[in-house]
Amino acid sequence: MYATRRVLPAVCLVAALTTAACATSTTADVEPPTSVPTSAAVIVPAGQSARSAPGTGLTFGENAVLPADAFAETGSLAMYTVTGITPAEGVPENTTRGGAPYYVYVTVTSLATRAGAAPGVMGLSASADGRTPALTMSPDPGLAKCPVTTPPPQMRRGESYATCLVAVADPGQRLRQVIYWADTTGDPALDYKSSPVVWSPAGAPPPSAGSPTPAPG
């Protein structure tokens, strides 16, 4: 599921925008873009891959093993490699609505032993604090640095595709992390909403999203 500052119905989150405004974002508080990898060369290790536990902390470029379908927690697994997040330019104003836009780059790799539907990216969102999802959605057509990606109709184990998402920060926020926060089950072992998997810049892994803040000594 993609996310907003408040959780939206899934049907709103997965709908691609079909009308692009002529104006682009004019938010004053915009960071300059940075150079991040837009894809990763992923090698699937031999044997069965274990699902990443809620609260797992990763650096950009590392892999998480998560449900291929966020709404089928007991279904097939896939490998997700978030390679980076960067401030964006040229995103239409009707997308940003006064917020600051970012691009999120992720490579998705199938772990299925038989050909099946390509894994999706539902459940991935940018985040300012490693816990709270920011508005994250499919890109508008025509963004050179964040093209619309159509996954293959079917994928086998080891096959990958790279894609990009657009995230929007609230005024005054900086989006530095990417989280997987899908909430599809009552099983605490699969409760990624309370304790997301988090990708952060190298050298700054976040605390477990589900861990309480230590009390002052």
C-alpha atoms as a PDB file:
ATOM      1  CA  MET A   1       0.000   0.000   0.000  1.00  0.00           C
ATOM      2  CA  TYR A   2       1.234   3.487  -0.752  1.00  0.00           C
ATOM      3  CA  ALA A   3       0.740   6.066   1.952  1.00  0.00           C
ATOM      4  CA  THR A   4      -0.327   9.579   2.754  1.00  0.00           C
ATOM      5  CA  ARG A   5       0.025  11.716   5.800  1.00  0.00           C
ATOM      6  CA  ARG A   6      -3.105   9.897   6.839  1.00  0.00           C
ATOM      7  CA  VAL A   7      -3.850   6.384   5.608  1.00  0.00           C
ATOM      8  CA  LEU A   8      -5.964   6.461   2.427  1.00  0.00           C
ATOM      9  CA  PRO A   9      -8.121   3.693   0.946  1.00  0.00           C
ATOM     10  CA  ALA A  10      -6.012   1.353  -1.138  1.00  0.00           C
ATOM     11  CA  VAL A  11      -7.959   2.164  -4.291  1.00  0.00           C
ATOM     12  CA  CYS A  12      -6.826   5.791  -4.004  1.00  0.00           C
ATOM     13  CA  LEU A  13      -3.251   4.823  -3.328  1.00  0.00           C
ATOM     14  CA  VAL A  14      -2.685   2.627  -6.351  1.00  0.00           C
ATOM     15  CA  ALA A  15      -4.474   4.806  -8.905  1.00  0.00           C
ATOM     16  CA  ALA A  16      -2.028   6.398 -11.316  1.00  0.00           C
ATOM     17  CA  LEU A  17      -2.576  10.080 -12.016  1.00  0.00           C
ATOM     18  CA  THR A  18      -3.845  10.589 -15.540  1.00  0.00           C
ATOM     19  CA  THR A  19      -3.850  14.384 -15.864  1.00  0.00           C
ATOM     20  CA  ALA A  20      -0.611  16.339 -15.580  1.00  0.00           C
ATOM     21  CA  ALA A  21      -0.738  20.028 -14.717  1.00  0.00           C
ATOM     22  CA  CYS A  22       1.225  22.489 -16.809  1.00  0.00           C
ATOM     23  CA  ALA A  23       2.815  23.998 -13.711  1.00  0.00           C
ATOM     24  CA  THR A  24       5.491  22.184 -11.754  1.00  0.00           C
ATOM     25  CA  SER A  25       6.168  22.341  -8.053  1.00  0.00           C
ATOM     26  CA  THR A  26       6.984  25.831  -6.826  1.00  0.00           C
ATOM     27  CA  THR A  27       7.573  24.888  -3.208  1.00  0.00           C
ATOM     28  CA  ALA A  28      10.190  27.233  -1.759  1.00  0.00           C
ATOM     29  CA  ASP A  29      11.639  24.636   0.597  1.00  0.00           C
ATOM     30  CA  VAL A  30      13.086  22.326  -2.068  1.00  0.00           C
ATOM     31  CA  GLU A  31      16.398  20.472  -1.752  1.00  0.00           C
ATOM     32  CA  PRO A  32      18.672  20.066  -4.760  1.00  0.00           C
ATOM     33  CA  PRO A  33      18.686  16.589  -6.342  1.00  0.00           C
ATOM     34  CA  THR A  34      21.421  14.142  -5.387  1.00  0.00           C
ATOM     35  CA  SER A  35      22.918  11.301  -7.391  1.00  0.00           C
ATOM     36  CA  VAL A  36      21.666   7.867  -6.322  1.00  0.00           C
ATOM     37  CA  PRO A  37      21.610   4.512  -8.137  1.00  0.00           C
ATOM     38  CA  THR A  38      18.368   3.958  -9.993  1.00  0.00           C
ATOM     39  CA  SER A  39      18.684   0.168 -10.109  1.00  0.00           C
ATOM     40  CA  ALA A  40      20.634  -2.731  -8.632  1.00  0.00           C
ATOM     41  CA  ALA A  41      22.110  -5.934 -10.013  1.00  0.00           C
ATOM     42  CA  VAL A  42      20.584  -8.505  -7.660  1.00  0.00           C
ATOM     43  CA  ILE A  43      21.847 -12.063  -7.293  1.00  0.00           C
ATOM     44  CA  VAL A  44      19.438 -14.415  -5.539  1.00  0.00           C
ATOM     45  CA  PRO A  45      21.271 -16.760  -3.159  1.00  0.00           C
ATOM     46  CA  ALA A  46      20.736 -20.491  -3.379  1.00  0.00           C
ATOM     47  CA  GLY A  47      18.181 -22.075  -1.084  1.00  0.00           C
ATOM     48  CA  GLN A  48      15.046 -20.745   0.492  1.00  0.00           C
ATOM     49  CA  SER A  49      15.074 -17.061   1.440  1.00  0.00           C
ATOM     50  CA  ALA A  50      13.789 -16.143   4.891  1.00  0.00           C
ATOM     51  CA  ARG A  51      11.300 -13.314   5.201  1.00  0.00           C
ATOM     52  CA  SER A  52      12.742 -10.117   6.671  1.00  0.00           C
ATOM     53  CA  ALA A  53      11.470  -9.553  10.195  1.00  0.00           C
ATOM     54  CA  PRO A  54       9.518  -6.429  11.159  1.00  0.00           C
ATOM     55  CA  GLY A  55      11.887  -3.760  12.440  1.00  0.00           C
ATOM     56  CA  THR A  56      14.764  -4.803  10.177  1.00  0.00           C
ATOM     57  CA  GLY A  57      17.145  -1.900   9.493  1.00  0.00           C
ATOM     58  CA  LEU A  58      18.969  -1.779   6.149  1.00  0.00           C
ATOM     59  CA  THR A  59      21.146   0.639   4.236  1.00  0.00           C
ATOM     60  CA  PHE A  60      20.269   1.645   0.687  1.00  0.00           C
ATOM     61  CA  GLY A  61      21.308  -1.087  -1.718  1.00  0.00           C
ATOM     62  CA  GLU A  62      20.594  -3.921   0.713  1.00  0.00           C
ATOM     63  CA  ASN A  63      17.849  -6.475   0.132  1.00  0.00           C
ATOM     64  CA  ALA A  64      14.685  -7.256   2.059  1.00  0.00           C
ATOM     65  CA  VAL A  65      12.598 -10.390   1.495  1.00  0.00           C
ATOM     66  CA  LEU A  66       8.929  -9.447   1.716  1.00  0.00           C
ATOM     67  CA  PRO A  67       5.530 -10.561   0.401  1.00  0.00           C
ATOM     68  CA  ALA A  68       5.310 -10.287  -3.377  1.00  0.00           C
ATOM     69  CA  ASP A  69       1.712  -9.152  -2.801  1.00  0.00           C
ATOM     70  CA  ALA A  70       1.195  -6.993   0.289  1.00  0.00           C
ATOM     71  CA  PHE A  71      -2.338  -8.356   0.626  1.00  0.00           C
ATOM     72  CA  ALA A  72      -1.247 -12.009   0.542  1.00  0.00           C
ATOM     73  CA  GLU A  73       1.041 -12.362   3.539  1.00  0.00           C
ATOM     74  CA  THR A  74       1.232 -16.141   3.171  1.00  0.00           C
ATOM     75  CA  GLY A  75       1.815 -16.049  -0.585  1.00  0.00           C
ATOM     76  CA  SER A  76       5.002 -15.831  -2.637  1.00  0.00           C
ATOM     77  CA  LEU A  77       7.974 -13.781  -1.512  1.00  0.00           C
ATOM     78  CA  ALA A  78      10.088 -11.299  -3.461  1.00  0.00           C
ATOM     79  CA  MET A  79      13.315  -9.423  -2.894  1.00  0.00           C
ATOM     80  CA  TYR A  80      13.173  -5.624  -2.666  1.00  0.00           C
ATOM     81  CA  THR A  81      16.289  -3.502  -3.054  1.00  0.00           C
ATOM     82  CA  VAL A  82      15.763   0.205  -2.362  1.00  0.00           C
ATOM     83  CA  THR A  83      18.743   1.906  -3.978  1.00  0.00           C
ATOM     84  CA  GLY A  84      18.054   5.451  -2.869  1.00  0.00           C
ATOM     85  CA  ILE A  85      15.816   8.481  -2.455  1.00  0.00           C
ATOM     86  CA  THR A  86      16.520  11.934  -3.867  1.00  0.00           C
ATOM     87  CA  PRO A  87      14.786  15.312  -4.098  1.00  0.00           C
ATOM     88  CA  ALA A  88      12.976  15.572  -7.420  1.00  0.00           C
ATOM     89  CA  GLU A  89      12.492  18.268 -10.020  1.00  0.00           C
ATOM     90  CA  GLY A  90       9.724  18.819 -12.527  1.00  0.00           C
ATOM     91  CA  VAL A  91       6.948  17.044 -10.624  1.00  0.00           C
ATOM     92  CA  PRO A  92       3.578  18.663 -11.434  1.00  0.00           C
ATOM     93  CA  GLU A  93       2.034  20.934  -8.842  1.00  0.00           C
ATOM     94  CA  ASN A  94      -1.193  18.926  -8.880  1.00  0.00           C
ATOM     95  CA  THR A  95       0.896  16.055  -7.476  1.00  0.00           C
ATOM     96  CA  THR A  96       2.954  17.914  -4.882  1.00  0.00           C
ATOM     97  CA  ARG A  97       0.159  20.217  -3.620  1.00  0.00           C
ATOM     98  CA  GLY A  98       2.758  22.491  -2.042  1.00  0.00           C
ATOM     99  CA  GLY A  99       4.928  19.702  -0.659  1.00  0.00           C
ATOM    100  CA  ALA A 100       8.479  18.805  -1.633  1.00  0.00           C
ATOM    101  CA  PRO A 101       8.768  15.929  -4.143  1.00  0.00           C
ATOM    102  CA  TYR A 102      11.246  13.044  -3.996  1.00  0.00           C
ATOM    103  CA  TYR A 103      12.041  10.067  -6.205  1.00  0.00           C
ATOM    104  CA  VAL A 104      12.345   6.605  -4.656  1.00  0.00           C
ATOM    105  CA  TYR A 105      14.196   3.942  -6.652  1.00  0.00           C
ATOM    106  CA  VAL A 106      13.638   0.241  -6.033  1.00  0.00           C
ATOM    107  CA  THR A 107      14.591  -2.978  -7.804  1.00  0.00           C
ATOM    108  CA  VAL A 108      12.116  -5.851  -7.440  1.00  0.00           C
ATOM    109  CA  THR A 109      13.309  -9.461  -7.841  1.00  0.00           C
ATOM    110  CA  SER A 110      11.095 -12.517  -8.037  1.00  0.00           C
ATOM    111  CA  LEU A 111      11.739 -15.457  -5.714  1.00  0.00           C
ATOM    112  CA  ALA A 112       9.038 -17.640  -7.265  1.00  0.00           C
ATOM    113  CA  THR A 113      10.091 -21.069  -8.488  1.00  0.00           C
ATOM    114  CA  ARG A 114       7.470 -20.985 -11.236  1.00  0.00           C
ATOM    115  CA  ALA A 115       6.519 -18.217 -13.611  1.00  0.00           C
ATOM    116  CA  GLY A 116       3.885 -16.008 -12.044  1.00  0.00           C
ATOM    117  CA  ALA A 117       2.627 -12.461 -11.764  1.00  0.00           C
ATOM    118  CA  ALA A 118       5.336  -9.865 -11.193  1.00  0.00           C
ATOM    119  CA  PRO A 119       5.716  -8.762  -7.559  1.00  0.00           C
ATOM    120  CA  GLY A 120       4.307  -5.320  -6.817  1.00  0.00           C
ATOM    121  CA  VAL A 121       5.566  -2.385  -4.770  1.00  0.00           C
ATOM    122  CA  MET A 122       2.501  -1.893  -2.594  1.00  0.00           C
ATOM    123  CA  GLY A 123       3.618  -1.225   0.984  1.00  0.00           C
ATOM    124  CA  LEU A 124       6.736   0.814   0.161  1.00  0.00           C
ATOM    125  CA  SER A 125       6.767   4.478   1.167  1.00  0.00           C
ATOM    126  CA  ALA A 126       9.243   7.247   1.801  1.00  0.00           C
ATOM    127  CA  SER A 127       9.486   8.417   5.397  1.00  0.00           C
ATOM    128  CA  ALA A 128      10.917  11.328   7.349  1.00  0.00           C
ATOM    129  CA  ASP A 129      11.375   9.389  10.586  1.00  0.00           C
ATOM    130  CA  GLY A 130      11.528   5.698   9.626  1.00  0.00           C
ATOM    131  CA  ARG A 131       8.090   5.050  11.088  1.00  0.00           C
ATOM    132  CA  THR A 132       5.550   7.343   9.431  1.00  0.00           C
ATOM    133  CA  PRO A 133       4.750   6.875   5.726  1.00  0.00           C
ATOM    134  CA  ALA A 134       4.739   9.898   3.449  1.00  0.00           C
ATOM    135  CA  LEU A 135       2.471  10.287   0.452  1.00  0.00           C
ATOM    136  CA  THR A 136       4.015   7.898  -2.107  1.00  0.00           C
ATOM    137  CA  MET A 137       2.578   7.089  -5.525  1.00  0.00           C
ATOM    138  CA  SER A 138       3.241   6.042  -9.099  1.00  0.00           C
ATOM    139  CA  PRO A 139       4.894   8.754 -11.223  1.00  0.00           C
ATOM    140  CA  ASP A 140       3.182  10.980 -13.750  1.00  0.00           C
ATOM    141  CA  PRO A 141       4.015  10.179 -17.377  1.00  0.00           C
ATOM    142  CA  GLY A 142       6.823  12.246 -18.836  1.00  0.00           C
ATOM    143  CA  LEU A 143       9.222  12.455 -15.868  1.00  0.00           C
ATOM    144  CA  ALA A 144      12.625  11.764 -17.423  1.00  0.00           C
ATOM    145  CA  LYS A 145      14.264  10.719 -14.160  1.00  0.00           C
ATOM    146  CA  CYS A 146      11.270   8.735 -12.901  1.00  0.00           C
ATOM    147  CA  PRO A 147       9.658   7.007 -15.885  1.00  0.00           C
ATOM    148  CA  VAL A 148       6.468   5.011 -15.608  1.00  0.00           C
ATOM    149  CA  THR A 149       7.451   1.334 -15.420  1.00  0.00           C
ATOM    150  CA  THR A 150       5.282  -1.553 -16.541  1.00  0.00           C
ATOM    151  CA  PRO A 151       6.453  -4.759 -14.820  1.00  0.00           C
ATOM    152  CA  PRO A 152       6.765  -7.896 -16.953  1.00  0.00           C
ATOM    153  CA  PRO A 153       3.512  -9.876 -17.173  1.00  0.00           C
ATOM    154  CA  GLN A 154       5.267 -12.845 -15.570  1.00  0.00           C
ATOM    155  CA  MET A 155       8.554 -13.371 -13.745  1.00  0.00           C
ATOM    156  CA  ARG A 156      10.631 -16.323 -12.552  1.00  0.00           C
ATOM    157  CA  ARG A 157      13.076 -16.628  -9.677  1.00  0.00           C
ATOM    158  CA  GLY A 158      16.013 -14.275 -10.157  1.00  0.00           C
ATOM    159  CA  GLU A 159      14.317 -12.019 -12.709  1.00  0.00           C
ATOM    160  CA  SER A 160      14.143  -8.322 -11.770  1.00  0.00           C
ATOM    161  CA  TYR A 161      12.708  -4.993 -12.820  1.00  0.00           C
ATOM    162  CA  ALA A 162      13.633  -1.497 -11.633  1.00  0.00           C
ATOM    163  CA  THR A 163      10.994   1.110 -10.927  1.00  0.00           C
ATOM    164  CA  CYS A 164      10.559   4.568  -9.443  1.00  0.00           C
ATOM    165  CA  LEU A 165       7.975   6.081  -7.101  1.00  0.00           C
ATOM    166  CA  VAL A 166       7.180   9.712  -6.314  1.00  0.00           C
ATOM    167  CA  ALA A 167       6.964  10.743  -2.656  1.00  0.00           C
ATOM    168  CA  VAL A 168       5.852  14.111  -1.271  1.00  0.00           C
ATOM    169  CA  ALA A 169       7.103  15.584   1.995  1.00  0.00           C
ATOM    170  CA  ASP A 170       4.999  17.751   4.263  1.00  0.00           C
ATOM    171  CA  PRO A 171       6.273  21.348   4.611  1.00  0.00           C
ATOM    172  CA  GLY A 172       9.438  21.433   6.699  1.00  0.00           C
ATOM    173  CA  GLN A 173      10.124  17.697   6.335  1.00  0.00           C
ATOM    174  CA  ARG A 174      13.052  15.915   4.718  1.00  0.00           C
ATOM    175  CA  LEU A 175      12.481  12.403   3.412  1.00  0.00           C
ATOM    176  CA  ARG A 176      15.648  10.441   4.152  1.00  0.00           C
ATOM    177  CA  GLN A 177      14.364   6.888   4.564  1.00  0.00           C
ATOM    178  CA  VAL A 178      12.127   4.352   2.836  1.00  0.00           C
ATOM    179  CA  ILE A 179       9.915   1.916   4.731  1.00  0.00           C
ATOM    180  CA  TYR A 180       7.848  -1.181   4.117  1.00  0.00           C
ATOM    181  CA  TRP A 181       4.828  -0.797   6.372  1.00  0.00           C
ATOM    182  CA  ALA A 182       2.095  -3.083   5.010  1.00  0.00           C
ATOM    183  CA  ASP A 183      -0.510  -4.172   7.566  1.00  0.00           C
ATOM    184  CA  THR A 184      -2.220  -7.249   6.156  1.00  0.00           C
ATOM    185  CA  THR A 185      -2.492  -9.578   9.140  1.00  0.00           C
ATOM    186  CA  GLY A 186      -3.075  -9.711  12.874  1.00  0.00           C
ATOM    187  CA  ASP A 187       0.049 -11.846  13.350  1.00  0.00           C
ATOM    188  CA  PRO A 188       2.650  -9.792  15.309  1.00  0.00           C
ATOM    189  CA  ALA A 189       5.420 -11.590  13.395  1.00  0.00           C
ATOM    190  CA  LEU A 190       4.102  -9.959  10.218  1.00  0.00           C
ATOM    191  CA  ASP A 191       3.096  -6.566  11.652  1.00  0.00           C
ATOM    192  CA  TYR A 192       5.164  -4.258   9.480  1.00  0.00           C
ATOM    193  CA  LYS A 193       2.853  -1.329  10.169  1.00  0.00           C
ATOM    194  CA  SER A 194       3.867  -1.137  13.835  1.00  0.00           C
ATOM    195  CA  SER A 195       7.487  -2.001  13.074  1.00  0.00           C
ATOM    196  CA  PRO A 196       8.443  -1.263   9.457  1.00  0.00           C
ATOM    197  CA  VAL A 197      11.426  -2.537   7.544  1.00  0.00           C
ATOM    198  CA  VAL A 198      13.561   0.587   7.054  1.00  0.00           C
ATOM    199  CA  TRP A 199      16.172   1.549   4.465  1.00  0.00           C
ATOM    200  CA  SER A 200      18.441   4.453   5.449  1.00  0.00           C
ATOM    201  CA  PRO A 201      21.631   6.100   4.160  1.00  0.00           C
ATOM    202  CA  ALA A 202      24.835   4.165   4.795  1.00  0.00           C
ATOM    203  CA  GLY A 203      26.247   4.786   8.237  1.00  0.00           C
ATOM    204  CA  ALA A 204      22.937   5.899   9.723  1.00  0.00           C
ATOM    205  CA  PRO A 205      20.791   2.816  10.337  1.00  0.00           C
ATOM    206  CA  PRO A 206      17.644   3.785  12.267  1.00  0.00           C
ATOM    207  CA  PRO A 207      16.543   2.214  15.532  1.00  0.00           C
ATOM    208  CA  SER A 208      13.899  -0.482  15.224  1.00  0.00           C
ATOM    209  CA  ALA A 209      10.702   1.285  14.255  1.00  0.00           C
ATOM    210  CA  GLY A 210       8.839  -0.776  16.805  1.00  0.00           C
ATOM    211  CA  SER A 211      11.225  -0.083  19.684  1.00  0.00           C
ATOM    212  CA  PRO A 212      10.113   2.352  22.402  1.00  0.00           C
ATOM    213  CA  THR A 213      12.158   5.468  22.996  1.00  0.00           C
ATOM    214  CA  PRO A 214      14.437   4.901  26.009  1.00  0.00           C
ATOM    215  CA  ALA A 215      13.488   6.860  29.087  1.00  0.00           C
ATOM    216  CA  PRO A 216      16.016   9.465  30.282  1.00  0.00           C
ATOM    217  CA  GLY A 217      18.456   8.093  32.845  1.00  0.00           C
END
